[in-house]
């Protein structure tokens, strides 16, 4: 199963975007799907995660209250709704999967190509 992120683009400070992470096949109930981002010259960082079975979510403080992760089981797709975007949210956004409740990059696999989000000031 491959994961493909899409939906990035250019948006102004304070704007919104919705990213999609589509799986090429079935997402198993034991999986958790996470969103990460990587800005130029910086390490990849955790943005959000959701458990496929119960839809439990997790966010770091940097995006809590602004970003919302959700899933559509019928479409095998995870979404990341990003509101009140800031220039510091500019990065390539990736989705990946894990069987752990984790925020660590190393615990995730099946990284797809990312999607670029640019927030202009």
PDB file of N, CA and C in Angstrom:
ATOM      1  N   UNK A   1       0.851  -1.197   0.000  1.00  0.00           N
ATOM      2  CA  UNK A   1       0.000   0.000   0.000  1.00  0.00           C
ATOM      3  C   UNK A   1       0.879   1.237   0.000  1.00  0.00           C
ATOM      4  N   UNK A   2       0.590   2.148  -0.895  1.00  0.00           N
ATOM      5  CA  UNK A   2       1.318   3.415  -0.967  1.00  0.00           C
ATOM      6  C   UNK A   2       0.416   4.550  -0.497  1.00  0.00           C
ATOM      7  N   UNK A   3       1.050   5.575   0.055  1.00  0.00           N
ATOM      8  CA  UNK A   3       0.327   6.757   0.510  1.00  0.00           C
ATOM      9  C   UNK A   3       0.761   7.946  -0.329  1.00  0.00           C
ATOM     10  N   UNK A   4      -0.184   8.726  -0.778  1.00  0.00           N
ATOM     11  CA  UNK A   4       0.115   9.870  -1.625  1.00  0.00           C
ATOM     12  C   UNK A   4      -0.529  11.114  -1.061  1.00  0.00           C
ATOM     13  N   UNK A   5       0.291  12.092  -0.741  1.00  0.00           N
ATOM     14  CA  UNK A   5      -0.218  13.369  -0.232  1.00  0.00           C
ATOM     15  C   UNK A   5      -0.484  14.327  -1.386  1.00  0.00           C
ATOM     16  N   UNK A   6      -1.527  15.125  -1.240  1.00  0.00           N
ATOM     17  CA  UNK A   6      -1.861  16.121  -2.259  1.00  0.00           C
ATOM     18  C   UNK A   6      -2.611  17.272  -1.595  1.00  0.00           C
ATOM     19  N   UNK A   7      -2.804  18.337  -2.374  1.00  0.00           N
ATOM     20  CA  UNK A   7      -3.600  19.453  -1.881  1.00  0.00           C
ATOM     21  C   UNK A   7      -2.818  20.684  -1.477  1.00  0.00           C
ATOM     22  N   UNK A   8      -1.501  20.621  -1.588  1.00  0.00           N
ATOM     23  CA  UNK A   8      -0.701  21.779  -1.226  1.00  0.00           C
ATOM     24  C   UNK A   8      -0.864  22.916  -2.219  1.00  0.00           C
ATOM     25  N   UNK A   9      -0.307  24.051  -1.845  1.00  0.00           N
ATOM     26  CA  UNK A   9      -0.392  25.214  -2.727  1.00  0.00           C
ATOM     27  C   UNK A   9       0.091  26.455  -2.022  1.00  0.00           C
ATOM     28  N   UNK A  10      -0.168  27.582  -2.659  1.00  0.00           N
ATOM     29  CA  UNK A  10       0.214  28.888  -2.121  1.00  0.00           C
ATOM     30  C   UNK A  10      -1.002  29.547  -1.488  1.00  0.00           C
ATOM     31  N   UNK A  11      -0.839  29.995  -0.257  1.00  0.00           N
ATOM     32  CA  UNK A  11      -1.944  30.627   0.461  1.00  0.00           C
ATOM     33  C   UNK A  11      -1.391  31.802   1.265  1.00  0.00           C
ATOM     34  N   UNK A  12      -2.232  32.782   1.518  1.00  0.00           N
ATOM     35  CA  UNK A  12      -1.801  33.941   2.286  1.00  0.00           C
ATOM     36  C   UNK A  12      -1.862  33.666   3.787  1.00  0.00           C
ATOM     37  N   UNK A  13      -1.105  34.433   4.510  1.00  0.00           N
ATOM     38  CA  UNK A  13      -1.115  34.380   5.974  1.00  0.00           C
ATOM     39  C   UNK A  13      -2.562  34.461   6.470  1.00  0.00           C
ATOM     40  N   UNK A  14      -2.956  33.506   7.313  1.00  0.00           N
ATOM     41  CA  UNK A  14      -4.313  33.462   7.837  1.00  0.00           C
ATOM     42  C   UNK A  14      -5.270  32.616   7.023  1.00  0.00           C
ATOM     43  N   UNK A  15      -4.803  32.127   5.890  1.00  0.00           N
ATOM     44  CA  UNK A  15      -5.649  31.336   5.010  1.00  0.00           C
ATOM     45  C   UNK A  15      -5.759  29.880   5.431  1.00  0.00           C
ATOM     46  N   UNK A  16      -6.439  29.093   4.590  1.00  0.00           N
ATOM     47  CA  UNK A  16      -6.695  27.684   4.890  1.00  0.00           C
ATOM     48  C   UNK A  16      -6.366  26.813   3.679  1.00  0.00           C
ATOM     49  N   UNK A  17      -6.041  25.575   3.974  1.00  0.00           N
ATOM     50  CA  UNK A  17      -5.841  24.550   2.954  1.00  0.00           C
ATOM     51  C   UNK A  17      -6.275  23.219   3.528  1.00  0.00           C
ATOM     52  N   UNK A  18      -6.691  22.304   2.663  1.00  0.00           N
ATOM     53  CA  UNK A  18      -6.965  20.943   3.091  1.00  0.00           C
ATOM     54  C   UNK A  18      -6.098  19.989   2.291  1.00  0.00           C
ATOM     55  N   UNK A  19      -5.291  19.242   3.004  1.00  0.00           N
ATOM     56  CA  UNK A  19      -4.446  18.234   2.382  1.00  0.00           C
ATOM     57  C   UNK A  19      -5.140  16.877   2.439  1.00  0.00           C
ATOM     58  N   UNK A  20      -4.839  16.054   1.457  1.00  0.00           N
ATOM     59  CA  UNK A  20      -5.361  14.693   1.420  1.00  0.00           C
ATOM     60  C   UNK A  20      -4.215  13.694   1.380  1.00  0.00           C
ATOM     61  N   UNK A  21      -4.427  12.564   2.016  1.00  0.00           N
ATOM     62  CA  UNK A  21      -3.466  11.458   1.991  1.00  0.00           C
ATOM     63  C   UNK A  21      -4.257  10.232   1.552  1.00  0.00           C
ATOM     64  N   UNK A  22      -4.065   9.834   0.314  1.00  0.00           N
ATOM     65  CA  UNK A  22      -4.827   8.735  -0.247  1.00  0.00           C
ATOM     66  C   UNK A  22      -3.990   7.463  -0.271  1.00  0.00           C
ATOM     67  N   UNK A  23      -4.581   6.381   0.200  1.00  0.00           N
ATOM     68  CA  UNK A  23      -3.912   5.087   0.191  1.00  0.00           C
ATOM     69  C   UNK A  23      -4.292   4.337  -1.077  1.00  0.00           C
ATOM     70  N   UNK A  24      -3.324   3.625  -1.636  1.00  0.00           N
ATOM     71  CA  UNK A  24      -3.571   2.890  -2.882  1.00  0.00           C
ATOM     72  C   UNK A  24      -4.327   1.600  -2.636  1.00  0.00           C
ATOM     73  N   UNK A  25      -4.428   1.219  -1.361  1.00  0.00           N
ATOM     74  CA  UNK A  25      -5.165   0.015  -1.008  1.00  0.00           C
ATOM     75  C   UNK A  25      -5.795   0.159   0.361  1.00  0.00           C
ATOM     76  N   UNK A  26      -6.136  -0.943   0.950  1.00  0.00           N
ATOM     77  CA  UNK A  26      -6.802  -0.925   2.247  1.00  0.00           C
ATOM     78  C   UNK A  26      -5.883  -0.439   3.357  1.00  0.00           C
ATOM     79  N   UNK A  27      -6.439   0.395   4.227  1.00  0.00           N
ATOM     80  CA  UNK A  27      -5.755   0.798   5.451  1.00  0.00           C
ATOM     81  C   UNK A  27      -6.264  -0.092   6.571  1.00  0.00           C
ATOM     82  N   UNK A  28      -5.371  -0.773   7.245  1.00  0.00           N
ATOM     83  CA  UNK A  28      -5.758  -1.736   8.264  1.00  0.00           C
ATOM     84  C   UNK A  28      -6.061  -1.058   9.595  1.00  0.00           C
ATOM     85  N   UNK A  29      -6.912  -1.683  10.370  1.00  0.00           N
ATOM     86  CA  UNK A  29      -7.360  -1.084  11.622  1.00  0.00           C
ATOM     87  C   UNK A  29      -6.216  -0.889  12.621  1.00  0.00           C
ATOM     88  N   UNK A  30      -5.145  -1.617  12.455  1.00  0.00           N
ATOM     89  CA  UNK A  30      -3.999  -1.497  13.364  1.00  0.00           C
ATOM     90  C   UNK A  30      -3.092  -0.319  13.018  1.00  0.00           C
ATOM     91  N   UNK A  31      -3.342   0.305  11.896  1.00  0.00           N
ATOM     92  CA  UNK A  31      -2.491   1.415  11.461  1.00  0.00           C
ATOM     93  C   UNK A  31      -2.919   2.739  12.066  1.00  0.00           C
ATOM     94  N   UNK A  32      -1.930   3.580  12.239  1.00  0.00           N
ATOM     95  CA  UNK A  32      -2.170   4.990  12.528  1.00  0.00           C
ATOM     96  C   UNK A  32      -1.542   5.774  11.388  1.00  0.00           C
ATOM     97  N   UNK A  33      -2.191   6.798  10.955  1.00  0.00           N
ATOM     98  CA  UNK A  33      -1.687   7.625   9.857  1.00  0.00           C
ATOM     99  C   UNK A  33      -1.241   8.969  10.423  1.00  0.00           C
ATOM    100  N   UNK A  34      -0.054   9.363  10.053  1.00  0.00           N
ATOM    101  CA  UNK A  34       0.484  10.626  10.549  1.00  0.00           C
ATOM    102  C   UNK A  34       0.822  11.595   9.436  1.00  0.00           C
ATOM    103  N   UNK A  35       0.749  12.860   9.769  1.00  0.00           N
ATOM    104  CA  UNK A  35       1.217  13.930   8.897  1.00  0.00           C
ATOM    105  C   UNK A  35       2.486  14.525   9.511  1.00  0.00           C
ATOM    106  N   UNK A  36       3.447  14.761   8.657  1.00  0.00           N
ATOM    107  CA  UNK A  36       4.692  15.406   9.049  1.00  0.00           C
ATOM    108  C   UNK A  36       4.987  16.526   8.062  1.00  0.00           C
ATOM    109  N   UNK A  37       5.896  17.399   8.441  1.00  0.00           N
ATOM    110  CA  UNK A  37       6.318  18.447   7.512  1.00  0.00           C
ATOM    111  C   UNK A  37       7.808  18.690   7.654  1.00  0.00           C
ATOM    112  N   UNK A  38       8.376  19.171   6.559  1.00  0.00           N
ATOM    113  CA  UNK A  38       9.806  19.479   6.558  1.00  0.00           C
ATOM    114  C   UNK A  38      10.038  20.785   5.820  1.00  0.00           C
ATOM    115  N   UNK A  39      10.517  21.761   6.559  1.00  0.00           N
ATOM    116  CA  UNK A  39      10.860  23.051   5.981  1.00  0.00           C
ATOM    117  C   UNK A  39      12.311  23.016   5.509  1.00  0.00           C
ATOM    118  N   UNK A  40      12.685  23.859   4.566  1.00  0.00           N
ATOM    119  CA  UNK A  40      14.057  23.876   4.063  1.00  0.00           C
ATOM    120  C   UNK A  40      15.063  24.049   5.188  1.00  0.00           C
ATOM    121  N   UNK A  41      16.039  23.153   5.223  1.00  0.00           N
ATOM    122  CA  UNK A  41      17.092  23.238   6.222  1.00  0.00           C
ATOM    123  C   UNK A  41      16.718  22.760   7.610  1.00  0.00           C
ATOM    124  N   UNK A  42      15.518  22.230   7.741  1.00  0.00           N
ATOM    125  CA  UNK A  42      15.059  21.769   9.057  1.00  0.00           C
ATOM    126  C   UNK A  42      14.740  20.279   9.020  1.00  0.00           C
ATOM    127  N   UNK A  43      14.642  19.700  10.200  1.00  0.00           N
ATOM    128  CA  UNK A  43      14.296  18.295  10.293  1.00  0.00           C
ATOM    129  C   UNK A  43      12.789  18.108  10.086  1.00  0.00           C
ATOM    130  N   UNK A  44      12.449  16.914   9.686  1.00  0.00           N
ATOM    131  CA  UNK A  44      11.035  16.585   9.531  1.00  0.00           C
ATOM    132  C   UNK A  44      10.382  16.542  10.910  1.00  0.00           C
ATOM    133  N   UNK A  45       9.208  17.150  11.013  1.00  0.00           N
ATOM    134  CA  UNK A  45       8.543  17.219  12.309  1.00  0.00           C
ATOM    135  C   UNK A  45       7.100  16.731  12.235  1.00  0.00           C
ATOM    136  N   UNK A  46       6.648  16.229  13.359  1.00  0.00           N
ATOM    137  CA  UNK A  46       5.300  15.691  13.488  1.00  0.00           C
ATOM    138  C   UNK A  46       4.279  16.816  13.482  1.00  0.00           C
ATOM    139  N   UNK A  47       3.163  16.575  12.786  1.00  0.00           N
ATOM    140  CA  UNK A  47       2.099  17.578  12.685  1.00  0.00           C
ATOM    141  C   UNK A  47       0.784  17.050  13.255  1.00  0.00           C
ATOM    142  N   UNK A  48       0.450  15.811  12.958  1.00  0.00           N
ATOM    143  CA  UNK A  48      -0.811  15.254  13.434  1.00  0.00           C
ATOM    144  C   UNK A  48      -0.821  13.752  13.163  1.00  0.00           C
ATOM    145  N   UNK A  49      -1.665  13.047  13.913  1.00  0.00           N
ATOM    146  CA  UNK A  49      -1.844  11.624  13.672  1.00  0.00           C
ATOM    147  C   UNK A  49      -3.250  11.220  14.049  1.00  0.00           C
ATOM    148  N   UNK A  50      -3.710  10.131  13.443  1.00  0.00           N
ATOM    149  CA  UNK A  50      -5.040   9.612  13.728  1.00  0.00           C
ATOM    150  C   UNK A  50      -4.980   8.091  13.727  1.00  0.00           C
ATOM    151  N   UNK A  51      -5.680   7.491  14.679  1.00  0.00           N
ATOM    152  CA  UNK A  51      -5.761   6.035  14.689  1.00  0.00           C
ATOM    153  C   UNK A  51      -6.870   5.622  13.727  1.00  0.00           C
ATOM    154  N   UNK A  52      -6.584   4.641  12.904  1.00  0.00           N
ATOM    155  CA  UNK A  52      -7.570   4.250  11.901  1.00  0.00           C
ATOM    156  C   UNK A  52      -8.784   3.585  12.531  1.00  0.00           C
ATOM    157  N   UNK A  53      -8.571   2.861  13.617  1.00  0.00           N
ATOM    158  CA  UNK A  53      -9.670   2.105  14.202  1.00  0.00           C
ATOM    159  C   UNK A  53     -10.683   2.987  14.926  1.00  0.00           C
ATOM    160  N   UNK A  54     -10.213   3.913  15.761  1.00  0.00           N
ATOM    161  CA  UNK A  54     -11.124   4.717  16.570  1.00  0.00           C
ATOM    162  C   UNK A  54     -11.089   6.208  16.246  1.00  0.00           C
ATOM    163  N   UNK A  55     -10.202   6.603  15.360  1.00  0.00           N
ATOM    164  CA  UNK A  55     -10.159   8.010  14.994  1.00  0.00           C
ATOM    165  C   UNK A  55      -9.610   8.916  16.069  1.00  0.00           C
ATOM    166  N   UNK A  56      -8.830   8.377  16.981  1.00  0.00           N
ATOM    167  CA  UNK A  56      -8.212   9.211  18.016  1.00  0.00           C
ATOM    168  C   UNK A  56      -7.108  10.038  17.387  1.00  0.00           C
ATOM    169  N   UNK A  57      -7.027  11.286  17.803  1.00  0.00           N
ATOM    170  CA  UNK A  57      -6.094  12.222  17.170  1.00  0.00           C
ATOM    171  C   UNK A  57      -5.030  12.720  18.137  1.00  0.00           C
ATOM    172  N   UNK A  58      -3.961  13.221  17.561  1.00  0.00           N
ATOM    173  CA  UNK A  58      -2.849  13.746  18.352  1.00  0.00           C
ATOM    174  C   UNK A  58      -2.225  14.904  17.583  1.00  0.00           C
ATOM    175  N   UNK A  59      -1.918  15.975  18.295  1.00  0.00           N
ATOM    176  CA  UNK A  59      -1.314  17.154  17.675  1.00  0.00           C
ATOM    177  C   UNK A  59      -0.229  17.736  18.588  1.00  0.00           C
ATOM    178  N   UNK A  60       0.800  18.296  18.016  1.00  0.00           N
ATOM    179  CA  UNK A  60       1.749  19.052  18.836  1.00  0.00           C
ATOM    180  C   UNK A  60       1.154  20.435  19.128  1.00  0.00           C
ATOM    181  N   UNK A  61       1.689  21.101  20.110  1.00  0.00           N
ATOM    182  CA  UNK A  61       1.165  22.408  20.498  1.00  0.00           C
ATOM    183  C   UNK A  61       1.235  23.433  19.357  1.00  0.00           C
ATOM    184  N   UNK A  62       2.203  23.263  18.464  1.00  0.00           N
ATOM    185  CA  UNK A  62       2.416  24.242  17.402  1.00  0.00           C
ATOM    186  C   UNK A  62       1.244  24.339  16.427  1.00  0.00           C
ATOM    187  N   UNK A  63       0.428  23.295  16.328  1.00  0.00           N
ATOM    188  CA  UNK A  63      -0.688  23.316  15.384  1.00  0.00           C
ATOM    189  C   UNK A  63      -2.031  23.071  16.059  1.00  0.00           C
ATOM    190  N   UNK A  64      -2.023  22.724  17.334  1.00  0.00           N
ATOM    191  CA  UNK A  64      -3.268  22.403  18.038  1.00  0.00           C
ATOM    192  C   UNK A  64      -4.212  23.604  17.992  1.00  0.00           C
ATOM    193  N   UNK A  65      -5.451  23.345  17.631  1.00  0.00           N
ATOM    194  CA  UNK A  65      -6.435  24.407  17.517  1.00  0.00           C
ATOM    195  C   UNK A  65      -6.508  25.025  16.131  1.00  0.00           C
ATOM    196  N   UNK A  66      -5.511  24.775  15.309  1.00  0.00           N
ATOM    197  CA  UNK A  66      -5.506  25.307  13.937  1.00  0.00           C
ATOM    198  C   UNK A  66      -5.647  24.197  12.894  1.00  0.00           C
ATOM    199  N   UNK A  67      -5.051  23.036  13.161  1.00  0.00           N
ATOM    200  CA  UNK A  67      -5.090  21.918  12.233  1.00  0.00           C
ATOM    201  C   UNK A  67      -6.030  20.847  12.765  1.00  0.00           C
ATOM    202  N   UNK A  68      -6.716  20.171  11.838  1.00  0.00           N
ATOM    203  CA  UNK A  68      -7.594  19.071  12.198  1.00  0.00           C
ATOM    204  C   UNK A  68      -7.356  17.908  11.260  1.00  0.00           C
ATOM    205  N   UNK A  69      -7.061  16.750  11.836  1.00  0.00           N
ATOM    206  CA  UNK A  69      -6.878  15.537  11.039  1.00  0.00           C
ATOM    207  C   UNK A  69      -8.169  14.723  11.112  1.00  0.00           C
ATOM    208  N   UNK A  70      -8.550  14.143   9.985  1.00  0.00           N
ATOM    209  CA  UNK A  70      -9.759  13.330   9.931  1.00  0.00           C
ATOM    210  C   UNK A  70      -9.560  12.226   8.911  1.00  0.00           C
ATOM    211  N   UNK A  71     -10.509  11.287   8.877  1.00  0.00           N
ATOM    212  CA  UNK A  71     -10.386  10.171   7.948  1.00  0.00           C
ATOM    213  C   UNK A  71     -11.714   9.850   7.308  1.00  0.00           C
ATOM    214  N   UNK A  72     -11.623   9.288   6.112  1.00  0.00           N
ATOM    215  CA  UNK A  72     -12.790   8.771   5.406  1.00  0.00           C
ATOM    216  C   UNK A  72     -12.482   7.304   5.115  1.00  0.00           C
ATOM    217  N   UNK A  73     -13.053   6.438   5.920  1.00  0.00           N
ATOM    218  CA  UNK A  73     -12.730   5.018   5.807  1.00  0.00           C
ATOM    219  C   UNK A  73     -13.144   4.444   4.450  1.00  0.00           C
ATOM    220  N   UNK A  74     -14.238   4.924   3.924  1.00  0.00           N
ATOM    221  CA  UNK A  74     -14.734   4.411   2.643  1.00  0.00           C
ATOM    222  C   UNK A  74     -13.783   4.745   1.497  1.00  0.00           C
ATOM    223  N   UNK A  75     -13.082   5.845   1.644  1.00  0.00           N
ATOM    224  CA  UNK A  75     -12.175   6.289   0.587  1.00  0.00           C
ATOM    225  C   UNK A  75     -10.717   5.975   0.905  1.00  0.00           C
ATOM    226  N   UNK A  76     -10.463   5.357   2.057  1.00  0.00           N
ATOM    227  CA  UNK A  76      -9.081   5.086   2.465  1.00  0.00           C
ATOM    228  C   UNK A  76      -8.227   6.350   2.374  1.00  0.00           C
ATOM    229  N   UNK A  77      -8.767   7.414   2.890  1.00  0.00           N
ATOM    230  CA  UNK A  77      -8.123   8.724   2.782  1.00  0.00           C
ATOM    231  C   UNK A  77      -8.121   9.429   4.137  1.00  0.00           C
ATOM    232  N   UNK A  78      -7.021  10.099   4.413  1.00  0.00           N
ATOM    233  CA  UNK A  78      -6.887  10.930   5.610  1.00  0.00           C
ATOM    234  C   UNK A  78      -6.717  12.377   5.160  1.00  0.00           C
ATOM    235  N   UNK A  79      -7.352  13.270   5.883  1.00  0.00           N
ATOM    236  CA  UNK A  79      -7.300  14.688   5.533  1.00  0.00           C
ATOM    237  C   UNK A  79      -6.602  15.480   6.636  1.00  0.00           C
ATOM    238  N   UNK A  80      -6.024  16.592   6.232  1.00  0.00           N
ATOM    239  CA  UNK A  80      -5.475  17.539   7.197  1.00  0.00           C
ATOM    240  C   UNK A  80      -6.017  18.914   6.835  1.00  0.00           C
ATOM    241  N   UNK A  81      -6.971  19.380   7.620  1.00  0.00           N
ATOM    242  CA  UNK A  81      -7.518  20.719   7.432  1.00  0.00           C
ATOM    243  C   UNK A  81      -6.648  21.703   8.194  1.00  0.00           C
ATOM    244  N   UNK A  82      -6.103  22.661   7.479  1.00  0.00           N
ATOM    245  CA  UNK A  82      -5.194  23.627   8.086  1.00  0.00           C
ATOM    246  C   UNK A  82      -5.809  25.018   7.988  1.00  0.00           C
ATOM    247  N   UNK A  83      -6.093  25.589   9.133  1.00  0.00           N
ATOM    248  CA  UNK A  83      -6.664  26.930   9.214  1.00  0.00           C
ATOM    249  C   UNK A  83      -5.682  27.886   9.879  1.00  0.00           C
ATOM    250  N   UNK A  84      -5.936  29.156   9.737  1.00  0.00           N
ATOM    251  CA  UNK A  84      -5.081  30.192  10.349  1.00  0.00           C
ATOM    252  C   UNK A  84      -3.611  29.941  10.057  1.00  0.00           C
ATOM    253  N   UNK A  85      -3.325  29.669   8.801  1.00  0.00           N
ATOM    254  CA  UNK A  85      -1.962  29.334   8.419  1.00  0.00           C
ATOM    255  C   UNK A  85      -1.029  30.522   8.615  1.00  0.00           C
ATOM    256  N   UNK A  86       0.209  30.188   8.969  1.00  0.00           N
ATOM    257  CA  UNK A  86       1.235  31.185   9.225  1.00  0.00           C
ATOM    258  C   UNK A  86       2.426  30.927   8.292  1.00  0.00           C
ATOM    259  N   UNK A  87       3.234  31.930   8.039  1.00  0.00           N
ATOM    260  CA  UNK A  87       4.417  31.712   7.185  1.00  0.00           C
ATOM    261  C   UNK A  87       5.307  30.573   7.698  1.00  0.00           C
ATOM    262  N   UNK A  88       5.355  30.404   9.009  1.00  0.00           N
ATOM    263  CA  UNK A  88       6.195  29.324   9.561  1.00  0.00           C
ATOM    264  C   UNK A  88       5.621  27.928   9.328  1.00  0.00           C
ATOM    265  N   UNK A  89       4.410  27.846   8.777  1.00  0.00           N
ATOM    266  CA  UNK A  89       3.839  26.552   8.393  1.00  0.00           C
ATOM    267  C   UNK A  89       4.325  26.126   7.004  1.00  0.00           C
ATOM    268  N   UNK A  90       5.062  26.986   6.334  1.00  0.00           N
ATOM    269  CA  UNK A  90       5.578  26.663   5.009  1.00  0.00           C
ATOM    270  C   UNK A  90       6.523  25.466   5.090  1.00  0.00           C
ATOM    271  N   UNK A  91       6.221  24.441   4.295  1.00  0.00           N
ATOM    272  CA  UNK A  91       7.005  23.210   4.326  1.00  0.00           C
ATOM    273  C   UNK A  91       6.453  22.246   3.286  1.00  0.00           C
ATOM    274  N   UNK A  92       7.185  21.163   3.078  1.00  0.00           N
ATOM    275  CA  UNK A  92       6.634  20.031   2.335  1.00  0.00           C
ATOM    276  C   UNK A  92       5.967  19.120   3.365  1.00  0.00           C
ATOM    277  N   UNK A  93       4.732  18.776   3.101  1.00  0.00           N
ATOM    278  CA  UNK A  93       3.950  17.953   4.019  1.00  0.00           C
ATOM    279  C   UNK A  93       3.883  16.521   3.486  1.00  0.00           C
ATOM    280  N   UNK A  94       4.114  15.575   4.394  1.00  0.00           N
ATOM    281  CA  UNK A  94       4.115  14.153   4.058  1.00  0.00           C
ATOM    282  C   UNK A  94       3.136  13.399   4.951  1.00  0.00           C
ATOM    283  N   UNK A  95       2.628  12.301   4.437  1.00  0.00           N
ATOM    284  CA  UNK A  95       1.882  11.394   5.286  1.00  0.00           C
ATOM    285  C   UNK A  95       2.599  10.043   5.287  1.00  0.00           C
ATOM    286  N   UNK A  96       2.381   9.296   6.346  1.00  0.00           N
ATOM    287  CA  UNK A  96       3.026   8.002   6.517  1.00  0.00           C
ATOM    288  C   UNK A  96       2.213   7.182   7.505  1.00  0.00           C
ATOM    289  N   UNK A  97       2.587   5.921   7.669  1.00  0.00           N
ATOM    290  CA  UNK A  97       1.824   5.050   8.545  1.00  0.00           C
ATOM    291  C   UNK A  97       2.711   4.423   9.604  1.00  0.00           C
ATOM    292  N   UNK A  98       2.060   4.007  10.698  1.00  0.00           N
ATOM    293  CA  UNK A  98       2.736   3.314  11.777  1.00  0.00           C
ATOM    294  C   UNK A  98       1.738   2.419  12.493  1.00  0.00           C
ATOM    295  N   UNK A  99       2.255   1.479  13.257  1.00  0.00           N
ATOM    296  CA  UNK A  99       1.373   0.658  14.091  1.00  0.00           C
ATOM    297  C   UNK A  99       1.502   1.070  15.554  1.00  0.00           C
ATOM    298  N   UNK A 100       2.216   2.179  15.776  1.00  0.00           N
ATOM    299  CA  UNK A 100       2.421   2.660  17.131  1.00  0.00           C
ATOM    300  C   UNK A 100       1.709   4.001  17.322  1.00  0.00           C
ATOM    301  N   UNK A 101       1.475   4.367  18.568  1.00  0.00           N
ATOM    302  CA  UNK A 101       1.047   5.713  18.891  1.00  0.00           C
ATOM    303  C   UNK A 101       2.333   6.516  19.070  1.00  0.00           C
ATOM    304  N   UNK A 102       2.756   7.185  18.034  1.00  0.00           N
ATOM    305  CA  UNK A 102       4.079   7.798  18.038  1.00  0.00           C
ATOM    306  C   UNK A 102       4.092   9.121  17.296  1.00  0.00           C
ATOM    307  N   UNK A 103       5.010   9.978  17.707  1.00  0.00           N
ATOM    308  CA  UNK A 103       5.281  11.232  17.006  1.00  0.00           C
ATOM    309  C   UNK A 103       6.663  11.194  16.362  1.00  0.00           C
ATOM    310  N   UNK A 104       7.325  10.060  16.445  1.00  0.00           N
ATOM    311  CA  UNK A 104       8.695   9.948  15.978  1.00  0.00           C
ATOM    312  C   UNK A 104       8.750   9.559  14.505  1.00  0.00           C
ATOM    313  N   UNK A 105       9.554  10.284  13.742  1.00  0.00           N
ATOM    314  CA  UNK A 105       9.696  10.004  12.313  1.00  0.00           C
ATOM    315  C   UNK A 105      10.121   8.565  12.078  1.00  0.00           C
ATOM    316  N   UNK A 106      11.037   8.072  12.889  1.00  0.00           N
ATOM    317  CA  UNK A 106      11.579   6.734  12.708  1.00  0.00           C
ATOM    318  C   UNK A 106      10.581   5.610  12.916  1.00  0.00           C
ATOM    319  N   UNK A 107       9.462   5.907  13.547  1.00  0.00           N
ATOM    320  CA  UNK A 107       8.443   4.876  13.787  1.00  0.00           C
ATOM    321  C   UNK A 107       7.460   4.756  12.627  1.00  0.00           C
ATOM    322  N   UNK A 108       7.611   5.615  11.642  1.00  0.00           N
ATOM    323  CA  UNK A 108       6.689   5.623  10.508  1.00  0.00           C
ATOM    324  C   UNK A 108       7.354   5.058   9.254  1.00  0.00           C
ATOM    325  N   UNK A 109       6.526   4.538   8.349  1.00  0.00           N
ATOM    326  CA  UNK A 109       7.023   3.994   7.094  1.00  0.00           C
ATOM    327  C   UNK A 109       6.042   4.332   5.980  1.00  0.00           C
ATOM    328  N   UNK A 110       6.356   3.838   4.805  1.00  0.00           N
ATOM    329  CA  UNK A 110       5.510   4.048   3.626  1.00  0.00           C
ATOM    330  C   UNK A 110       5.326   5.539   3.357  1.00  0.00           C
ATOM    331  N   UNK A 111       6.425   6.257   3.375  1.00  0.00           N
ATOM    332  CA  UNK A 111       6.393   7.680   3.066  1.00  0.00           C
ATOM    333  C   UNK A 111       6.166   7.874   1.579  1.00  0.00           C
ATOM    334  N   UNK A 112       5.217   8.720   1.261  1.00  0.00           N
ATOM    335  CA  UNK A 112       5.008   9.042  -0.138  1.00  0.00           C
ATOM    336  C   UNK A 112       5.664  10.358  -0.487  1.00  0.00           C
ATOM    337  N   UNK A 113       5.456  10.784  -1.713  1.00  0.00           N
ATOM    338  CA  UNK A 113       5.921  12.111  -2.094  1.00  0.00           C
ATOM    339  C   UNK A 113       5.105  13.146  -1.339  1.00  0.00           C
ATOM    340  N   UNK A 114       5.749  14.171  -0.919  1.00  0.00           N
ATOM    341  CA  UNK A 114       5.062  15.191  -0.159  1.00  0.00           C
ATOM    342  C   UNK A 114       4.358  16.198  -1.052  1.00  0.00           C
ATOM    343  N   UNK A 115       3.676  17.105  -0.402  1.00  0.00           N
ATOM    344  CA  UNK A 115       3.004  18.182  -1.104  1.00  0.00           C
ATOM    345  C   UNK A 115       3.432  19.503  -0.476  1.00  0.00           C
ATOM    346  N   UNK A 116       3.786  20.464  -1.318  1.00  0.00           N
ATOM    347  CA  UNK A 116       4.350  21.724  -0.827  1.00  0.00           C
ATOM    348  C   UNK A 116       3.257  22.708  -0.426  1.00  0.00           C
ATOM    349  N   UNK A 117       3.391  23.219   0.779  1.00  0.00           N
ATOM    350  CA  UNK A 117       2.510  24.277   1.276  1.00  0.00           C
ATOM    351  C   UNK A 117       3.365  25.522   1.484  1.00  0.00           C
ATOM    352  N   UNK A 118       2.960  26.614   0.839  1.00  0.00           N
ATOM    353  CA  UNK A 118       3.670  27.878   0.976  1.00  0.00           C
ATOM    354  C   UNK A 118       2.707  28.927   1.500  1.00  0.00           C
ATOM    355  N   UNK A 119       3.052  29.528   2.625  1.00  0.00           N
ATOM    356  CA  UNK A 119       2.215  30.559   3.230  1.00  0.00           C
ATOM    357  C   UNK A 119       2.952  31.885   3.110  1.00  0.00           C
ATOM    358  N   UNK A 120       2.355  32.805   2.372  1.00  0.00           N
ATOM    359  CA  UNK A 120       2.986  34.098   2.151  1.00  0.00           C
ATOM    360  C   UNK A 120       2.537  35.108   3.196  1.00  0.00           C
ATOM    361  N   UNK A 121       3.449  35.996   3.565  1.00  0.00           N
ATOM    362  CA  UNK A 121       3.127  36.999   4.587  1.00  0.00           C
ATOM    363  C   UNK A 121       2.612  38.279   3.959  1.00  0.00           C
TER     364      UNK A 121
END
